[in-house]
Amino acid sequence: MSFRTCGRAEIWLSLAHFRPRVAVSAKDVLMQQVAEETRVAFEGRLERAQAPAPQRPDYQKWVRFYLDFCRKYGHPPRSPTSLGPFLGKLAAKH
């Protein structure tokens, strides 16, 4: 999946602003890796949004969580309707 072709920057940035009540370590979760093209495009989007550099790994982590959720539950990651079920699943866990 290409970040540029999905055209849903608001979904990615919305994910990055979601903060769970419990810390989640990427080391504890086997996550799908984001394609290099997608990672580079997302990094550019974070740069344009002036996201602080120390927070960018968290933004990238939440994109991987979202993509894993979509893959596991059959939601199309490019669809804006996939964000609601993802956030609902996170809320149900806490």
Protein backbone atom coordinates (compact mmCIF):
# COMPACT_ATOMS: atom_id res chain seq x y z
CA MET A 1 0.00 0.00 0.00
CA SER A 2 1.30 3.42 -0.88
CA PHE A 3 0.64 6.32 1.46
CA ARG A 4 0.54 8.68 -1.51
CA THR A 5 -2.16 6.68 -3.26
CA CYS A 6 -4.34 6.20 -0.21
CA GLY A 7 -4.93 9.94 0.18
CA ARG A 8 -6.05 9.50 3.77
CA ALA A 9 -3.46 11.50 5.72
CA GLU A 10 -6.10 12.40 8.28
CA ILE A 11 -6.48 8.73 9.21
CA TRP A 12 -2.76 8.32 9.82
CA LEU A 13 -2.51 11.49 11.88
CA SER A 14 -5.65 10.59 13.84
CA LEU A 15 -4.00 7.32 14.81
CA ALA A 16 -0.94 9.12 16.01
CA HIS A 17 -2.96 11.28 18.39
CA PHE A 18 -4.64 8.29 20.04
CA ARG A 19 -2.90 7.52 23.31
CA PRO A 20 -3.81 4.32 25.15
CA ARG A 21 -4.06 4.33 28.92
CA VAL A 22 -1.52 1.52 29.11
CA ALA A 23 1.93 1.67 27.56
CA VAL A 24 2.40 -0.74 24.67
CA SER A 25 5.84 -1.87 23.69
CA ALA A 26 6.50 -2.60 20.03
CA LYS A 27 8.87 -5.31 21.25
CA ASP A 28 5.91 -7.13 22.82
CA VAL A 29 3.82 -7.13 19.66
CA LEU A 30 4.67 -8.80 16.37
CA MET A 31 3.70 -6.18 13.85
CA GLN A 32 3.55 -5.99 10.10
CA GLN A 33 6.31 -3.78 8.73
CA VAL A 34 5.28 -0.79 6.67
CA ALA A 35 6.57 -0.73 3.09
CA GLU A 36 9.57 1.56 2.63
CA GLU A 37 7.68 3.76 0.15
CA THR A 38 4.85 4.19 2.64
CA ARG A 39 7.23 4.89 5.52
CA VAL A 40 9.09 7.56 3.54
CA ALA A 41 5.83 9.21 2.40
CA PHE A 42 4.46 9.17 5.96
CA GLU A 43 7.69 10.65 7.31
CA GLY A 44 7.32 13.45 4.76
CA ARG A 45 3.73 14.03 5.93
CA LEU A 46 4.88 14.21 9.54
CA GLU A 47 7.54 16.71 8.51
CA ARG A 48 4.99 18.91 6.75
CA ALA A 49 2.69 18.66 9.78
CA GLN A 50 5.66 19.74 11.95
CA ALA A 51 5.33 16.69 14.19
CA PRO A 52 8.11 16.78 16.80
CA ALA A 53 10.92 14.40 15.83
CA PRO A 54 10.94 12.60 19.23
CA GLN A 55 7.26 11.69 18.77
CA ARG A 56 7.57 10.32 15.23
CA PRO A 57 8.39 6.73 16.24
CA ASP A 58 5.08 6.68 18.14
CA TYR A 59 3.23 7.89 15.05
CA GLN A 60 4.88 5.15 13.00
CA LYS A 61 4.07 2.53 15.65
CA TRP A 62 0.37 3.40 15.55
CA VAL A 63 0.32 3.12 11.77
CA ARG A 64 1.68 -0.42 12.12
CA PHE A 65 -0.95 -1.23 14.77
CA TYR A 66 -3.65 0.07 12.43
CA LEU A 67 -2.37 -1.93 9.46
CA ASP A 68 -2.18 -5.08 11.59
CA PHE A 69 -5.75 -4.53 12.77
CA CYS A 70 -6.96 -4.09 9.19
CA ARG A 71 -5.15 -7.22 8.04
CA LYS A 72 -6.40 -9.32 10.96
CA TYR A 73 -10.05 -8.23 10.77
CA GLY A 74 -10.40 -7.73 7.02
CA HIS A 75 -10.81 -3.96 6.99
CA PRO A 76 -9.51 -2.06 3.96
CA PRO A 77 -6.74 0.21 5.35
CA ARG A 78 -7.43 2.92 2.77
CA SER A 79 -11.07 3.25 3.76
CA PRO A 80 -11.97 6.00 6.23
CA THR A 81 -14.60 3.62 7.65
CA SER A 82 -11.85 1.35 9.00
CA LEU A 83 -10.65 3.86 11.59
CA GLY A 84 -13.81 3.69 13.73
CA PRO A 85 -13.65 -0.09 14.32
CA PHE A 86 -9.91 0.20 15.07
CA LEU A 87 -10.44 2.92 17.69
CA GLY A 88 -13.41 1.00 19.10
CA LYS A 89 -11.27 -2.12 19.50
CA LEU A 90 -8.61 -0.10 21.31
CA ALA A 91 -11.19 1.51 23.59
CA ALA A 92 -12.68 -1.90 24.43
CA LYS A 93 -9.27 -3.13 25.61
CA HIS A 94 -8.92 -0.35 28.18
